[in-house]
């Protein structure tokens, strides 16, 4: 995979900022997010330069929603906190079905299996 920053500009964030916020939030909440593998696969697909721009834009928008400090359902609420994030991710994945490749899923699983998986950028 080759990463780029074109899609991140579609939602008004530069790639390093979005990536930093993504890894920071995922590092805090990975243990309680049941869709962490899907979220990571979406991340790897979004920043893969081989992913079509429209797909990257959808996924970057989804990732930006995940890292937004203001949320429809506050993430600190037990059980309900990530339901809106899961719904947005599920909708995005349905929309771009087929573009998240086995390579992206394998990278996500490997990152989650790493003994220190979320201590730095992916």
PDB file of N, CA and C in Angstrom:
ATOM      1  N   UNK A   1       0.838  -1.191   0.000  1.00  0.00           N
ATOM      2  CA  UNK A   1       0.000   0.000   0.000  1.00  0.00           C
ATOM      3  C   UNK A   1       0.874   1.242   0.000  1.00  0.00           C
ATOM      4  N   UNK A   2       0.428   2.199  -0.721  1.00  0.00           N
ATOM      5  CA  UNK A   2       1.104   3.489  -0.758  1.00  0.00           C
ATOM      6  C   UNK A   2       0.094   4.507  -0.260  1.00  0.00           C
ATOM      7  N   UNK A   3       0.494   5.336   0.684  1.00  0.00           N
ATOM      8  CA  UNK A   3      -0.436   6.273   1.286  1.00  0.00           C
ATOM      9  C   UNK A   3      -0.273   7.659   0.690  1.00  0.00           C
ATOM     10  N   UNK A   4      -1.369   8.402   0.662  1.00  0.00           N
ATOM     11  CA  UNK A   4      -1.360   9.754   0.138  1.00  0.00           C
ATOM     12  C   UNK A   4      -2.304  10.633   0.914  1.00  0.00           C
ATOM     13  N   UNK A   5      -2.385  11.909   0.557  1.00  0.00           N
ATOM     14  CA  UNK A   5      -3.211  12.817   1.353  1.00  0.00           C
ATOM     15  C   UNK A   5      -4.341  13.478   0.577  1.00  0.00           C
ATOM     16  N   UNK A   6      -4.575  13.106  -0.659  1.00  0.00           N
ATOM     17  CA  UNK A   6      -5.598  13.768  -1.459  1.00  0.00           C
ATOM     18  C   UNK A   6      -6.975  13.676  -0.830  1.00  0.00           C
ATOM     19  N   UNK A   7      -7.379  12.490  -0.407  1.00  0.00           N
ATOM     20  CA  UNK A   7      -8.733  12.302   0.129  1.00  0.00           C
ATOM     21  C   UNK A   7      -8.950  13.058   1.431  1.00  0.00           C
ATOM     22  N   UNK A   8      -7.928  13.190   2.252  1.00  0.00           N
ATOM     23  CA  UNK A   8      -8.114  13.868   3.537  1.00  0.00           C
ATOM     24  C   UNK A   8      -8.463  15.335   3.353  1.00  0.00           C
ATOM     25  N   UNK A   9      -8.060  15.930   2.246  1.00  0.00           N
ATOM     26  CA  UNK A   9      -8.424  17.323   1.997  1.00  0.00           C
ATOM     27  C   UNK A   9      -9.912  17.475   1.694  1.00  0.00           C
ATOM     28  N   UNK A  10     -10.558  16.371   1.307  1.00  0.00           N
ATOM     29  CA  UNK A  10     -11.988  16.405   1.004  1.00  0.00           C
ATOM     30  C   UNK A  10     -12.808  16.747   2.236  1.00  0.00           C
ATOM     31  N   UNK A  11     -12.287  16.490   3.409  1.00  0.00           N
ATOM     32  CA  UNK A  11     -13.020  16.802   4.638  1.00  0.00           C
ATOM     33  C   UNK A  11     -12.339  17.910   5.437  1.00  0.00           C
ATOM     34  N   UNK A  12     -11.398  18.598   4.841  1.00  0.00           N
ATOM     35  CA  UNK A  12     -10.799  19.760   5.472  1.00  0.00           C
ATOM     36  C   UNK A  12      -9.733  19.477   6.513  1.00  0.00           C
ATOM     37  N   UNK A  13      -9.195  18.277   6.531  1.00  0.00           N
ATOM     38  CA  UNK A  13      -8.118  17.972   7.464  1.00  0.00           C
ATOM     39  C   UNK A  13      -6.917  17.519   6.648  1.00  0.00           C
ATOM     40  N   UNK A  14      -5.732  17.878   7.108  1.00  0.00           N
ATOM     41  CA  UNK A  14      -4.559  17.367   6.439  1.00  0.00           C
ATOM     42  C   UNK A  14      -4.294  15.951   6.942  1.00  0.00           C
ATOM     43  N   UNK A  15      -3.629  15.167   6.131  1.00  0.00           N
ATOM     44  CA  UNK A  15      -3.393  13.758   6.447  1.00  0.00           C
ATOM     45  C   UNK A  15      -2.701  13.549   7.792  1.00  0.00           C
ATOM     46  N   UNK A  16      -1.609  14.247   8.102  1.00  0.00           N
ATOM     47  CA  UNK A  16      -0.957  13.999   9.391  1.00  0.00           C
ATOM     48  C   UNK A  16      -1.863  14.283  10.595  1.00  0.00           C
ATOM     49  N   UNK A  17      -2.685  15.316  10.515  1.00  0.00           N
ATOM     50  CA  UNK A  17      -3.592  15.636  11.619  1.00  0.00           C
ATOM     51  C   UNK A  17      -4.637  14.548  11.784  1.00  0.00           C
ATOM     52  N   UNK A  18      -5.244  14.141  10.687  1.00  0.00           N
ATOM     53  CA  UNK A  18      -6.253  13.087  10.749  1.00  0.00           C
ATOM     54  C   UNK A  18      -5.646  11.795  11.267  1.00  0.00           C
ATOM     55  N   UNK A  19      -4.477  11.430  10.781  1.00  0.00           N
ATOM     56  CA  UNK A  19      -3.829  10.202  11.236  1.00  0.00           C
ATOM     57  C   UNK A  19      -3.478  10.273  12.726  1.00  0.00           C
ATOM     58  N   UNK A  20      -2.950  11.388  13.157  1.00  0.00           N
ATOM     59  CA  UNK A  20      -2.590  11.539  14.576  1.00  0.00           C
ATOM     60  C   UNK A  20      -3.831  11.404  15.464  1.00  0.00           C
ATOM     61  N   UNK A  21      -4.897  12.080  15.083  1.00  0.00           N
ATOM     62  CA  UNK A  21      -6.132  12.008  15.869  1.00  0.00           C
ATOM     63  C   UNK A  21      -6.731  10.598  15.837  1.00  0.00           C
ATOM     64  N   UNK A  22      -6.649   9.954  14.686  1.00  0.00           N
ATOM     65  CA  UNK A  22      -7.162   8.590  14.566  1.00  0.00           C
ATOM     66  C   UNK A  22      -6.434   7.652  15.520  1.00  0.00           C
ATOM     67  N   UNK A  23      -5.090   7.652  15.457  1.00  0.00           N
ATOM     68  CA  UNK A  23      -4.317   6.735  16.296  1.00  0.00           C
ATOM     69  C   UNK A  23      -4.477   7.058  17.774  1.00  0.00           C
ATOM     70  N   UNK A  24      -4.585   8.325  18.102  1.00  0.00           N
ATOM     71  CA  UNK A  24      -4.774   8.714  19.496  1.00  0.00           C
ATOM     72  C   UNK A  24      -6.103   8.184  20.032  1.00  0.00           C
ATOM     73  N   UNK A  25      -7.172   8.406  19.294  1.00  0.00           N
ATOM     74  CA  UNK A  25      -8.490   7.966  19.758  1.00  0.00           C
ATOM     75  C   UNK A  25      -8.592   6.445  19.737  1.00  0.00           C
ATOM     76  N   UNK A  26      -8.108   5.810  18.687  1.00  0.00           N
ATOM     77  CA  UNK A  26      -8.169   4.358  18.628  1.00  0.00           C
ATOM     78  C   UNK A  26      -7.353   3.739  19.759  1.00  0.00           C
ATOM     79  N   UNK A  27      -6.211   4.340  20.074  1.00  0.00           N
ATOM     80  CA  UNK A  27      -5.388   3.846  21.173  1.00  0.00           C
ATOM     81  C   UNK A  27      -6.120   3.895  22.510  1.00  0.00           C
ATOM     82  N   UNK A  28      -6.938   4.916  22.698  1.00  0.00           N
ATOM     83  CA  UNK A  28      -7.693   5.042  23.961  1.00  0.00           C
ATOM     84  C   UNK A  28      -8.871   4.078  24.038  1.00  0.00           C
ATOM     85  N   UNK A  29      -9.478   3.780  22.897  1.00  0.00           N
ATOM     86  CA  UNK A  29     -10.751   3.060  22.920  1.00  0.00           C
ATOM     87  C   UNK A  29     -10.750   1.705  22.209  1.00  0.00           C
ATOM     88  N   UNK A  30      -9.645   1.254  21.667  1.00  0.00           N
ATOM     89  CA  UNK A  30      -9.630   0.013  20.878  1.00  0.00           C
ATOM     90  C   UNK A  30     -10.210  -1.171  21.637  1.00  0.00           C
ATOM     91  N   UNK A  31      -9.946  -1.252  22.925  1.00  0.00           N
ATOM     92  CA  UNK A  31     -10.417  -2.393  23.714  1.00  0.00           C
ATOM     93  C   UNK A  31     -11.934  -2.438  23.843  1.00  0.00           C
ATOM     94  N   UNK A  32     -12.608  -1.311  23.675  1.00  0.00           N
ATOM     95  CA  UNK A  32     -14.062  -1.283  23.840  1.00  0.00           C
ATOM     96  C   UNK A  32     -14.818  -1.074  22.528  1.00  0.00           C
ATOM     97  N   UNK A  33     -14.098  -1.009  21.421  1.00  0.00           N
ATOM     98  CA  UNK A  33     -14.735  -0.819  20.119  1.00  0.00           C
ATOM     99  C   UNK A  33     -14.831  -2.182  19.436  1.00  0.00           C
ATOM    100  N   UNK A  34     -16.028  -2.738  19.339  1.00  0.00           N
ATOM    101  CA  UNK A  34     -16.154  -4.060  18.719  1.00  0.00           C
ATOM    102  C   UNK A  34     -15.865  -4.062  17.213  1.00  0.00           C
ATOM    103  N   UNK A  35     -15.839  -2.898  16.606  1.00  0.00           N
ATOM    104  CA  UNK A  35     -15.606  -2.808  15.161  1.00  0.00           C
ATOM    105  C   UNK A  35     -14.209  -2.271  14.852  1.00  0.00           C
ATOM    106  N   UNK A  36     -13.262  -2.450  15.783  1.00  0.00           N
ATOM    107  CA  UNK A  36     -11.906  -1.910  15.601  1.00  0.00           C
ATOM    108  C   UNK A  36     -11.229  -2.451  14.344  1.00  0.00           C
ATOM    109  N   UNK A  37     -11.410  -3.732  14.047  1.00  0.00           N
ATOM    110  CA  UNK A  37     -10.770  -4.299  12.853  1.00  0.00           C
ATOM    111  C   UNK A  37     -11.331  -3.670  11.581  1.00  0.00           C
ATOM    112  N   UNK A  38     -12.650  -3.485  11.520  1.00  0.00           N
ATOM    113  CA  UNK A  38     -13.252  -2.836  10.355  1.00  0.00           C
ATOM    114  C   UNK A  38     -12.777  -1.391  10.229  1.00  0.00           C
ATOM    115  N   UNK A  39     -12.673  -0.715  11.360  1.00  0.00           N
ATOM    116  CA  UNK A  39     -12.216   0.672  11.360  1.00  0.00           C
ATOM    117  C   UNK A  39     -10.780   0.773  10.847  1.00  0.00           C
ATOM    118  N   UNK A  40      -9.921  -0.131  11.302  1.00  0.00           N
ATOM    119  CA  UNK A  40      -8.535  -0.134  10.824  1.00  0.00           C
ATOM    120  C   UNK A  40      -8.447  -0.500   9.346  1.00  0.00           C
ATOM    121  N   UNK A  41      -9.247  -1.462   8.909  1.00  0.00           N
ATOM    122  CA  UNK A  41      -9.248  -1.823   7.485  1.00  0.00           C
ATOM    123  C   UNK A  41      -9.689  -0.619   6.649  1.00  0.00           C
ATOM    124  N   UNK A  42     -10.689   0.114   7.131  1.00  0.00           N
ATOM    125  CA  UNK A  42     -11.137   1.328   6.438  1.00  0.00           C
ATOM    126  C   UNK A  42     -10.010   2.360   6.405  1.00  0.00           C
ATOM    127  N   UNK A  43      -9.281   2.490   7.503  1.00  0.00           N
ATOM    128  CA  UNK A  43      -8.143   3.416   7.569  1.00  0.00           C
ATOM    129  C   UNK A  43      -7.104   3.065   6.502  1.00  0.00           C
ATOM    130  N   UNK A  44      -6.709   1.781   6.457  1.00  0.00           N
ATOM    131  CA  UNK A  44      -5.693   1.377   5.495  1.00  0.00           C
ATOM    132  C   UNK A  44      -6.188   1.545   4.058  1.00  0.00           C
ATOM    133  N   UNK A  45      -7.452   1.288   3.812  1.00  0.00           N
ATOM    134  CA  UNK A  45      -8.017   1.492   2.477  1.00  0.00           C
ATOM    135  C   UNK A  45      -8.051   2.978   2.118  1.00  0.00           C
ATOM    136  N   UNK A  46      -8.432   3.814   3.078  1.00  0.00           N
ATOM    137  CA  UNK A  46      -8.550   5.256   2.828  1.00  0.00           C
ATOM    138  C   UNK A  46      -7.230   5.891   2.418  1.00  0.00           C
ATOM    139  N   UNK A  47      -6.133   5.399   2.970  1.00  0.00           N
ATOM    140  CA  UNK A  47      -4.844   6.011   2.682  1.00  0.00           C
ATOM    141  C   UNK A  47      -3.999   5.193   1.703  1.00  0.00           C
ATOM    142  N   UNK A  48      -4.624   4.248   1.036  1.00  0.00           N
ATOM    143  CA  UNK A  48      -3.973   3.463  -0.007  1.00  0.00           C
ATOM    144  C   UNK A  48      -4.148   4.226  -1.322  1.00  0.00           C
ATOM    145  N   UNK A  49      -3.075   4.616  -1.949  1.00  0.00           N
ATOM    146  CA  UNK A  49      -3.158   5.406  -3.187  1.00  0.00           C
ATOM    147  C   UNK A  49      -3.789   4.644  -4.343  1.00  0.00           C
ATOM    148  N   UNK A  50      -3.898   3.339  -4.208  1.00  0.00           N
ATOM    149  CA  UNK A  50      -4.547   2.553  -5.252  1.00  0.00           C
ATOM    150  C   UNK A  50      -6.073   2.564  -5.107  1.00  0.00           C
ATOM    151  N   UNK A  51      -6.574   3.067  -3.992  1.00  0.00           N
ATOM    152  CA  UNK A  51      -8.013   3.172  -3.774  1.00  0.00           C
ATOM    153  C   UNK A  51      -8.530   4.364  -4.583  1.00  0.00           C
ATOM    154  N   UNK A  52      -9.639   4.190  -5.308  1.00  0.00           N
ATOM    155  CA  UNK A  52     -10.201   5.305  -6.082  1.00  0.00           C
ATOM    156  C   UNK A  52     -10.510   6.516  -5.185  1.00  0.00           C
ATOM    157  N   UNK A  53     -10.362   7.704  -5.756  1.00  0.00           N
ATOM    158  CA  UNK A  53     -10.539   8.941  -4.982  1.00  0.00           C
ATOM    159  C   UNK A  53     -11.906   9.049  -4.322  1.00  0.00           C
ATOM    160  N   UNK A  54     -12.967   8.664  -5.014  1.00  0.00           N
ATOM    161  CA  UNK A  54     -14.300   8.786  -4.415  1.00  0.00           C
ATOM    162  C   UNK A  54     -14.438   7.879  -3.197  1.00  0.00           C
ATOM    163  N   UNK A  55     -13.833   6.702  -3.256  1.00  0.00           N
ATOM    164  CA  UNK A  55     -13.866   5.764  -2.135  1.00  0.00           C
ATOM    165  C   UNK A  55     -13.030   6.325  -0.984  1.00  0.00           C
ATOM    166  N   UNK A  56     -11.867   6.856  -1.307  1.00  0.00           N
ATOM    167  CA  UNK A  56     -11.010   7.439  -0.287  1.00  0.00           C
ATOM    168  C   UNK A  56     -11.721   8.597   0.411  1.00  0.00           C
ATOM    169  N   UNK A  57     -12.427   9.412  -0.363  1.00  0.00           N
ATOM    170  CA  UNK A  57     -13.140  10.553   0.223  1.00  0.00           C
ATOM    171  C   UNK A  57     -14.212  10.083   1.198  1.00  0.00           C
ATOM    172  N   UNK A  58     -14.959   9.048   0.829  1.00  0.00           N
ATOM    173  CA  UNK A  58     -15.986   8.503   1.725  1.00  0.00           C
ATOM    174  C   UNK A  58     -15.343   7.986   3.013  1.00  0.00           C
ATOM    175  N   UNK A  59     -14.272   7.232   2.871  1.00  0.00           N
ATOM    176  CA  UNK A  59     -13.632   6.646   4.056  1.00  0.00           C
ATOM    177  C   UNK A  59     -12.954   7.699   4.925  1.00  0.00           C
ATOM    178  N   UNK A  60     -12.329   8.675   4.315  1.00  0.00           N
ATOM    179  CA  UNK A  60     -11.694   9.742   5.100  1.00  0.00           C
ATOM    180  C   UNK A  60     -12.763  10.522   5.852  1.00  0.00           C
ATOM    181  N   UNK A  61     -13.904  10.760   5.220  1.00  0.00           N
ATOM    182  CA  UNK A  61     -15.014  11.413   5.914  1.00  0.00           C
ATOM    183  C   UNK A  61     -15.482  10.586   7.102  1.00  0.00           C
ATOM    184  N   UNK A  62     -15.520   9.284   6.925  1.00  0.00           N
ATOM    185  CA  UNK A  62     -15.903   8.373   8.007  1.00  0.00           C
ATOM    186  C   UNK A  62     -14.883   8.432   9.142  1.00  0.00           C
ATOM    187  N   UNK A  63     -13.609   8.402   8.799  1.00  0.00           N
ATOM    188  CA  UNK A  63     -12.553   8.478   9.817  1.00  0.00           C
ATOM    189  C   UNK A  63     -12.582   9.827  10.534  1.00  0.00           C
ATOM    190  N   UNK A  64     -12.836  10.885   9.776  1.00  0.00           N
ATOM    191  CA  UNK A  64     -12.929  12.217  10.385  1.00  0.00           C
ATOM    192  C   UNK A  64     -14.083  12.269  11.376  1.00  0.00           C
ATOM    193  N   UNK A  65     -15.200  11.635  11.048  1.00  0.00           N
ATOM    194  CA  UNK A  65     -16.329  11.584  11.974  1.00  0.00           C
ATOM    195  C   UNK A  65     -15.918  10.855  13.248  1.00  0.00           C
ATOM    196  N   UNK A  66     -15.173   9.761  13.106  1.00  0.00           N
ATOM    197  CA  UNK A  66     -14.703   8.992  14.263  1.00  0.00           C
ATOM    198  C   UNK A  66     -13.840   9.845  15.188  1.00  0.00           C
ATOM    199  N   UNK A  67     -12.997  10.711  14.643  1.00  0.00           N
ATOM    200  CA  UNK A  67     -12.075  11.482  15.479  1.00  0.00           C
ATOM    201  C   UNK A  67     -12.635  12.819  15.941  1.00  0.00           C
ATOM    202  N   UNK A  68     -13.811  13.202  15.431  1.00  0.00           N
ATOM    203  CA  UNK A  68     -14.389  14.493  15.819  1.00  0.00           C
ATOM    204  C   UNK A  68     -14.634  14.552  17.320  1.00  0.00           C
ATOM    205  N   UNK A  69     -14.242  15.664  17.959  1.00  0.00           N
ATOM    206  CA  UNK A  69     -14.487  15.789  19.401  1.00  0.00           C
ATOM    207  C   UNK A  69     -15.974  15.945  19.724  1.00  0.00           C
ATOM    208  N   UNK A  70     -16.708  16.615  18.866  1.00  0.00           N
ATOM    209  CA  UNK A  70     -18.157  16.756  19.056  1.00  0.00           C
ATOM    210  C   UNK A  70     -18.817  15.625  18.284  1.00  0.00           C
ATOM    211  N   UNK A  71     -19.696  14.907  18.933  1.00  0.00           N
ATOM    212  CA  UNK A  71     -20.237  13.690  18.377  1.00  0.00           C
ATOM    213  C   UNK A  71     -21.743  13.659  18.590  1.00  0.00           C
ATOM    214  N   UNK A  72     -22.464  12.986  17.714  1.00  0.00           N
ATOM    215  CA  UNK A  72     -23.909  12.851  17.880  1.00  0.00           C
ATOM    216  C   UNK A  72     -24.233  12.135  19.189  1.00  0.00           C
ATOM    217  N   UNK A  73     -23.538  11.037  19.447  1.00  0.00           N
ATOM    218  CA  UNK A  73     -23.663  10.312  20.711  1.00  0.00           C
ATOM    219  C   UNK A  73     -22.280  10.348  21.355  1.00  0.00           C
ATOM    220  N   UNK A  74     -22.111  11.032  22.484  1.00  0.00           N
ATOM    221  CA  UNK A  74     -20.779  11.143  23.098  1.00  0.00           C
ATOM    222  C   UNK A  74     -20.146   9.774  23.346  1.00  0.00           C
ATOM    223  N   UNK A  75     -18.882   9.629  22.936  1.00  0.00           N
ATOM    224  CA  UNK A  75     -18.185   8.357  23.033  1.00  0.00           C
ATOM    225  C   UNK A  75     -17.928   7.909  24.467  1.00  0.00           C
ATOM    226  N   UNK A  76     -18.062   8.803  25.427  1.00  0.00           N
ATOM    227  CA  UNK A  76     -17.810   8.417  26.818  1.00  0.00           C
ATOM    228  C   UNK A  76     -18.999   7.689  27.445  1.00  0.00           C
ATOM    229  N   UNK A  77     -20.148   7.678  26.763  1.00  0.00           N
ATOM    230  CA  UNK A  77     -21.312   6.970  27.284  1.00  0.00           C
ATOM    231  C   UNK A  77     -21.101   5.464  27.144  1.00  0.00           C
ATOM    232  N   UNK A  78     -21.246   4.721  28.232  1.00  0.00           N
ATOM    233  CA  UNK A  78     -21.075   3.269  28.140  1.00  0.00           C
ATOM    234  C   UNK A  78     -22.089   2.668  27.166  1.00  0.00           C
ATOM    235  N   UNK A  79     -21.682   1.696  26.439  1.00  0.00           N
ATOM    236  CA  UNK A  79     -22.473   0.926  25.483  1.00  0.00           C
ATOM    237  C   UNK A  79     -22.913   1.756  24.270  1.00  0.00           C
ATOM    238  N   UNK A  80     -23.525   2.892  24.464  1.00  0.00           N
ATOM    239  CA  UNK A  80     -24.070   3.679  23.362  1.00  0.00           C
ATOM    240  C   UNK A  80     -23.062   4.584  22.677  1.00  0.00           C
ATOM    241  N   UNK A  81     -21.954   4.871  23.325  1.00  0.00           N
ATOM    242  CA  UNK A  81     -21.029   5.895  22.856  1.00  0.00           C
ATOM    243  C   UNK A  81     -20.521   5.756  21.444  1.00  0.00           C
ATOM    244  N   UNK A  82     -20.318   4.540  20.973  1.00  0.00           N
ATOM    245  CA  UNK A  82     -19.770   4.351  19.639  1.00  0.00           C
ATOM    246  C   UNK A  82     -20.797   3.843  18.638  1.00  0.00           C
ATOM    247  N   UNK A  83     -22.077   3.831  19.013  1.00  0.00           N
ATOM    248  CA  UNK A  83     -23.086   3.316  18.087  1.00  0.00           C
ATOM    249  C   UNK A  83     -23.203   4.182  16.838  1.00  0.00           C
ATOM    250  N   UNK A  84     -23.108   5.494  16.995  1.00  0.00           N
ATOM    251  CA  UNK A  84     -23.179   6.355  15.813  1.00  0.00           C
ATOM    252  C   UNK A  84     -21.962   6.159  14.921  1.00  0.00           C
ATOM    253  N   UNK A  85     -20.785   5.991  15.532  1.00  0.00           N
ATOM    254  CA  UNK A  85     -19.565   5.756  14.752  1.00  0.00           C
ATOM    255  C   UNK A  85     -19.692   4.437  13.983  1.00  0.00           C
ATOM    256  N   UNK A  86     -20.229   3.406  14.656  1.00  0.00           N
ATOM    257  CA  UNK A  86     -20.415   2.109  14.006  1.00  0.00           C
ATOM    258  C   UNK A  86     -21.395   2.220  12.845  1.00  0.00           C
ATOM    259  N   UNK A  87     -22.463   2.981  13.029  1.00  0.00           N
ATOM    260  CA  UNK A  87     -23.456   3.149  11.966  1.00  0.00           C
ATOM    261  C   UNK A  87     -22.860   3.876  10.762  1.00  0.00           C
ATOM    262  N   UNK A  88     -22.087   4.918  11.017  1.00  0.00           N
ATOM    263  CA  UNK A  88     -21.445   5.664   9.925  1.00  0.00           C
ATOM    264  C   UNK A  88     -20.468   4.749   9.191  1.00  0.00           C
ATOM    265  N   UNK A  89     -19.682   3.981   9.940  1.00  0.00           N
ATOM    266  CA  UNK A  89     -18.724   3.060   9.329  1.00  0.00           C
ATOM    267  C   UNK A  89     -19.441   1.984   8.518  1.00  0.00           C
ATOM    268  N   UNK A  90     -20.505   1.413   9.065  1.00  0.00           N
ATOM    269  CA  UNK A  90     -21.259   0.375   8.350  1.00  0.00           C
ATOM    270  C   UNK A  90     -21.837   0.928   7.047  1.00  0.00           C
ATOM    271  N   UNK A  91     -22.371   2.138   7.100  1.00  0.00           N
ATOM    272  CA  UNK A  91     -22.899   2.768   5.889  1.00  0.00           C
ATOM    273  C   UNK A  91     -21.821   3.004   4.850  1.00  0.00           C
ATOM    274  N   UNK A  92     -20.672   3.465   5.302  1.00  0.00           N
ATOM    275  CA  UNK A  92     -19.563   3.719   4.377  1.00  0.00           C
ATOM    276  C   UNK A  92     -19.082   2.410   3.751  1.00  0.00           C
ATOM    277  N   UNK A  93     -18.950   1.375   4.563  1.00  0.00           N
ATOM    278  CA  UNK A  93     -18.478   0.089   4.043  1.00  0.00           C
ATOM    279  C   UNK A  93     -19.473  -0.476   3.031  1.00  0.00           C
ATOM    280  N   UNK A  94     -20.756  -0.329   3.311  1.00  0.00           N
ATOM    281  CA  UNK A  94     -21.765  -0.805   2.355  1.00  0.00           C
ATOM    282  C   UNK A  94     -21.646  -0.034   1.039  1.00  0.00           C
ATOM    283  N   UNK A  95     -21.430   1.263   1.129  1.00  0.00           N
ATOM    284  CA  UNK A  95     -21.327   2.120  -0.051  1.00  0.00           C
ATOM    285  C   UNK A  95     -20.118   1.771  -0.910  1.00  0.00           C
ATOM    286  N   UNK A  96     -19.019   1.423  -0.284  1.00  0.00           N
ATOM    287  CA  UNK A  96     -17.778   1.191  -1.019  1.00  0.00           C
ATOM    288  C   UNK A  96     -17.418  -0.297  -1.065  1.00  0.00           C
ATOM    289  N   UNK A  97     -18.397  -1.157  -0.877  1.00  0.00           N
ATOM    290  CA  UNK A  97     -18.175  -2.602  -0.847  1.00  0.00           C
ATOM    291  C   UNK A  97     -17.235  -3.040  -1.968  1.00  0.00           C
ATOM    292  N   UNK A  98     -16.305  -3.878  -1.612  1.00  0.00           N
ATOM    293  CA  UNK A  98     -15.371  -4.402  -2.597  1.00  0.00           C
ATOM    294  C   UNK A  98     -14.057  -3.658  -2.681  1.00  0.00           C
ATOM    295  N   UNK A  99     -13.998  -2.461  -2.128  1.00  0.00           N
ATOM    296  CA  UNK A  99     -12.752  -1.693  -2.205  1.00  0.00           C
ATOM    297  C   UNK A  99     -11.840  -1.942  -1.004  1.00  0.00           C
ATOM    298  N   UNK A 100     -12.402  -2.417   0.093  1.00  0.00           N
ATOM    299  CA  UNK A 100     -11.549  -2.822   1.215  1.00  0.00           C
ATOM    300  C   UNK A 100     -11.066  -4.228   0.868  1.00  0.00           C
ATOM    301  N   UNK A 101      -9.790  -4.303   0.551  1.00  0.00           N
ATOM    302  CA  UNK A 101      -9.184  -5.528   0.038  1.00  0.00           C
ATOM    303  C   UNK A 101      -8.673  -6.406   1.184  1.00  0.00           C
ATOM    304  N   UNK A 102      -8.421  -7.680   0.872  1.00  0.00           N
ATOM    305  CA  UNK A 102      -7.820  -8.554   1.888  1.00  0.00           C
ATOM    306  C   UNK A 102      -6.527  -7.970   2.468  1.00  0.00           C
ATOM    307  N   UNK A 103      -5.763  -7.253   1.660  1.00  0.00           N
ATOM    308  CA  UNK A 103      -4.535  -6.608   2.127  1.00  0.00           C
ATOM    309  C   UNK A 103      -4.827  -5.625   3.263  1.00  0.00           C
ATOM    310  N   UNK A 104      -5.913  -4.863   3.139  1.00  0.00           N
ATOM    311  CA  UNK A 104      -6.289  -3.900   4.175  1.00  0.00           C
ATOM    312  C   UNK A 104      -6.732  -4.630   5.443  1.00  0.00           C
ATOM    313  N   UNK A 105      -7.506  -5.690   5.285  1.00  0.00           N
ATOM    314  CA  UNK A 105      -7.978  -6.464   6.445  1.00  0.00           C
ATOM    315  C   UNK A 105      -6.807  -7.161   7.147  1.00  0.00           C
ATOM    316  N   UNK A 106      -5.874  -7.688   6.370  1.00  0.00           N
ATOM    317  CA  UNK A 106      -4.693  -8.341   6.949  1.00  0.00           C
ATOM    318  C   UNK A 106      -3.856  -7.336   7.740  1.00  0.00           C
ATOM    319  N   UNK A 107      -3.684  -6.144   7.199  1.00  0.00           N
ATOM    320  CA  UNK A 107      -2.929  -5.098   7.907  1.00  0.00           C
ATOM    321  C   UNK A 107      -3.635  -4.725   9.207  1.00  0.00           C
ATOM    322  N   UNK A 108      -4.957  -4.658   9.177  1.00  0.00           N
ATOM    323  CA  UNK A 108      -5.730  -4.330  10.385  1.00  0.00           C
ATOM    324  C   UNK A 108      -5.560  -5.416  11.442  1.00  0.00           C
ATOM    325  N   UNK A 109      -5.693  -6.677  11.035  1.00  0.00           N
ATOM    326  CA  UNK A 109      -5.533  -7.783  11.998  1.00  0.00           C
ATOM    327  C   UNK A 109      -4.130  -7.792  12.588  1.00  0.00           C
ATOM    328  N   UNK A 110      -3.132  -7.594  11.731  1.00  0.00           N
ATOM    329  CA  UNK A 110      -1.742  -7.592  12.207  1.00  0.00           C
ATOM    330  C   UNK A 110      -1.519  -6.478  13.215  1.00  0.00           C
ATOM    331  N   UNK A 111      -2.079  -5.311  12.957  1.00  0.00           N
ATOM    332  CA  UNK A 111      -1.915  -4.182  13.876  1.00  0.00           C
ATOM    333  C   UNK A 111      -2.572  -4.486  15.213  1.00  0.00           C
ATOM    334  N   UNK A 112      -3.750  -5.097  15.184  1.00  0.00           N
ATOM    335  CA  UNK A 112      -4.447  -5.420  16.435  1.00  0.00           C
ATOM    336  C   UNK A 112      -3.773  -6.560  17.199  1.00  0.00           C
ATOM    337  N   UNK A 113      -3.077  -7.442  16.492  1.00  0.00           N
ATOM    338  CA  UNK A 113      -2.374  -8.548  17.146  1.00  0.00           C
ATOM    339  C   UNK A 113      -1.004  -8.140  17.673  1.00  0.00           C
ATOM    340  N   UNK A 114      -0.500  -7.008  17.247  1.00  0.00           N
ATOM    341  CA  UNK A 114       0.794  -6.475  17.691  1.00  0.00           C
ATOM    342  C   UNK A 114       0.726  -6.237  19.200  1.00  0.00           C
ATOM    343  N   UNK A 115       1.777  -6.628  19.961  1.00  0.00           N
ATOM    344  CA  UNK A 115       1.740  -6.400  21.412  1.00  0.00           C
ATOM    345  C   UNK A 115       1.624  -4.925  21.807  1.00  0.00           C
ATOM    346  N   UNK A 116       2.061  -4.037  20.952  1.00  0.00           N
ATOM    347  CA  UNK A 116       1.936  -2.588  21.185  1.00  0.00           C
ATOM    348  C   UNK A 116       1.276  -1.995  19.941  1.00  0.00           C
ATOM    349  N   UNK A 117       0.051  -2.407  19.629  1.00  0.00           N
ATOM    350  CA  UNK A 117      -0.518  -2.086  18.329  1.00  0.00           C
ATOM    351  C   UNK A 117      -0.833  -0.634  18.064  1.00  0.00           C
ATOM    352  N   UNK A 118      -1.138   0.119  19.085  1.00  0.00           N
ATOM    353  CA  UNK A 118      -1.666   1.451  18.836  1.00  0.00           C
ATOM    354  C   UNK A 118      -0.811   2.540  19.454  1.00  0.00           C
ATOM    355  N   UNK A 119       0.488   2.282  19.550  1.00  0.00           N
ATOM    356  CA  UNK A 119       1.372   3.263  20.151  1.00  0.00           C
ATOM    357  C   UNK A 119       1.959   4.220  19.135  1.00  0.00           C
ATOM    358  N   UNK A 120       1.648   4.045  17.869  1.00  0.00           N
ATOM    359  CA  UNK A 120       2.155   4.955  16.856  1.00  0.00           C
ATOM    360  C   UNK A 120       1.382   4.807  15.572  1.00  0.00           C
ATOM    361  N   UNK A 121       1.701   5.634  14.634  1.00  0.00           N
ATOM    362  CA  UNK A 121       1.013   5.588  13.344  1.00  0.00           C
ATOM    363  C   UNK A 121       1.238   4.252  12.688  1.00  0.00           C
ATOM    364  N   UNK A 122       0.246   3.831  11.929  1.00  0.00           N
ATOM    365  CA  UNK A 122       0.211   2.512  11.309  1.00  0.00           C
ATOM    366  C   UNK A 122       1.057   2.363  10.129  1.00  0.00           C
TER     367      UNK A 122
END
